[in-house]
Amino acid sequence: MTQGFHDELSLADRAVALGEQAMKQGIIPSFVVRHYPDSRQFLIPDDSAEPLTPEEAFLKFKKMLGEI
């Protein structure tokens, strides 16, 4: 299966989709994406005070969903 990303923006979009899937499954109550001109930051409430990069969020959501 292809991961569906080729650059940071498409990776961030894929991370958002995985975050939405984790919310639908009740794994997390919510998450926040901060949009900046050249990047995005992901925040998962009650997870950590530090924002995640798109790469970190992608891997964290994949792990939550049991895909890795």
C-alpha atoms as a PDB file:
ATOM      1  CA  MET A   1       0.000   0.000   0.000  1.00  0.00           C
ATOM      2  CA  THR A   2       1.300   3.437  -0.885  1.00  0.00           C
ATOM      3  CA  GLN A   3       1.551   5.984   1.903  1.00  0.00           C
ATOM      4  CA  GLY A   4       0.065   8.758  -0.255  1.00  0.00           C
ATOM      5  CA  PHE A   5       2.601  11.497   0.367  1.00  0.00           C
ATOM      6  CA  HIS A   6       5.483  12.956  -1.595  1.00  0.00           C
ATOM      7  CA  ASP A   7       6.434  16.075   0.328  1.00  0.00           C
ATOM      8  CA  GLU A   8       5.875  17.738   3.710  1.00  0.00           C
ATOM      9  CA  LEU A   9       2.484  19.177   2.776  1.00  0.00           C
ATOM     10  CA  SER A  10       1.059  15.871   1.569  1.00  0.00           C
ATOM     11  CA  LEU A  11       2.580  14.148   4.630  1.00  0.00           C
ATOM     12  CA  ALA A  12       0.832  16.709   6.864  1.00  0.00           C
ATOM     13  CA  ASP A  13      -2.449  16.084   5.009  1.00  0.00           C
ATOM     14  CA  ARG A  14      -2.035  12.336   5.572  1.00  0.00           C
ATOM     15  CA  ALA A  15      -1.314  12.958   9.275  1.00  0.00           C
ATOM     16  CA  VAL A  16      -4.541  14.982   9.525  1.00  0.00           C
ATOM     17  CA  ALA A  17      -6.480  12.105   7.949  1.00  0.00           C
ATOM     18  CA  LEU A  18      -4.945   9.638  10.410  1.00  0.00           C
ATOM     19  CA  GLY A  19      -5.747  11.974  13.316  1.00  0.00           C
ATOM     20  CA  GLU A  20      -9.359  12.163  12.182  1.00  0.00           C
ATOM     21  CA  GLN A  21      -9.455   8.374  11.978  1.00  0.00           C
ATOM     22  CA  ALA A  22      -8.068   8.118  15.540  1.00  0.00           C
ATOM     23  CA  MET A  23     -10.788  10.507  16.729  1.00  0.00           C
ATOM     24  CA  LYS A  24     -13.534   8.486  15.007  1.00  0.00           C
ATOM     25  CA  GLN A  25     -12.257   5.344  16.738  1.00  0.00           C
ATOM     26  CA  GLY A  26     -12.301   7.133  20.104  1.00  0.00           C
ATOM     27  CA  ILE A  27      -8.537   6.810  20.622  1.00  0.00           C
ATOM     28  CA  ILE A  28      -8.105  10.565  21.098  1.00  0.00           C
ATOM     29  CA  PRO A  29     -10.770  13.175  21.891  1.00  0.00           C
ATOM     30  CA  SER A  30      -9.321  15.828  19.564  1.00  0.00           C
ATOM     31  CA  PHE A  31      -6.199  17.303  18.028  1.00  0.00           C
ATOM     32  CA  VAL A  32      -5.169  20.735  16.798  1.00  0.00           C
ATOM     33  CA  VAL A  33      -3.198  21.667  13.707  1.00  0.00           C
ATOM     34  CA  ARG A  34      -1.430  25.018  13.691  1.00  0.00           C
ATOM     35  CA  HIS A  35      -0.908  26.267  10.156  1.00  0.00           C
ATOM     36  CA  TYR A  36       2.134  28.365   9.342  1.00  0.00           C
ATOM     37  CA  PRO A  37       3.208  29.646   5.915  1.00  0.00           C
ATOM     38  CA  ASP A  38       5.805  26.910   5.469  1.00  0.00           C
ATOM     39  CA  SER A  39       4.816  24.184   7.933  1.00  0.00           C
ATOM     40  CA  ARG A  40       2.236  22.764  10.325  1.00  0.00           C
ATOM     41  CA  GLN A  41       2.383  21.772  13.975  1.00  0.00           C
ATOM     42  CA  PHE A  42       0.186  19.127  15.571  1.00  0.00           C
ATOM     43  CA  LEU A  43      -1.022  19.218  19.170  1.00  0.00           C
ATOM     44  CA  ILE A  44      -2.711  16.277  20.860  1.00  0.00           C
ATOM     45  CA  PRO A  45      -4.429  17.306  24.121  1.00  0.00           C
ATOM     46  CA  ASP A  46      -3.213  15.444  27.225  1.00  0.00           C
ATOM     47  CA  ASP A  47      -0.325  13.961  25.245  1.00  0.00           C
ATOM     48  CA  SER A  48       2.531  16.411  25.666  1.00  0.00           C
ATOM     49  CA  ALA A  49       3.128  20.110  25.880  1.00  0.00           C
ATOM     50  CA  GLU A  50       5.381  20.016  22.842  1.00  0.00           C
ATOM     51  CA  PRO A  51       3.905  20.378  19.353  1.00  0.00           C
ATOM     52  CA  LEU A  52       4.657  17.612  16.871  1.00  0.00           C
ATOM     53  CA  THR A  53       6.061  17.965  13.378  1.00  0.00           C
ATOM     54  CA  PRO A  54       4.037  16.394  10.537  1.00  0.00           C
ATOM     55  CA  GLU A  55       6.481  13.451  10.548  1.00  0.00           C
ATOM     56  CA  GLU A  56       6.116  12.911  14.296  1.00  0.00           C
ATOM     57  CA  ALA A  57       2.323  13.234  14.140  1.00  0.00           C
ATOM     58  CA  PHE A  58       2.109  10.792  11.208  1.00  0.00           C
ATOM     59  CA  LEU A  59       4.118   8.157  13.090  1.00  0.00           C
ATOM     60  CA  LYS A  60       2.266   8.746  16.376  1.00  0.00           C
ATOM     61  CA  PHE A  61      -1.159   8.408  14.729  1.00  0.00           C
ATOM     62  CA  LYS A  62      -0.037   5.276  12.821  1.00  0.00           C
ATOM     63  CA  LYS A  63       1.125   3.763  16.118  1.00  0.00           C
ATOM     64  CA  MET A  64      -2.154   4.692  17.853  1.00  0.00           C
ATOM     65  CA  LEU A  65      -4.106   3.023  15.072  1.00  0.00           C
ATOM     66  CA  GLY A  66      -1.955  -0.104  15.305  1.00  0.00           C
ATOM     67  CA  GLU A  67      -0.603   0.288  11.779  1.00  0.00           C
ATOM     68  CA  ILE A  68       3.045   0.023  12.918  1.00  0.00           C
END
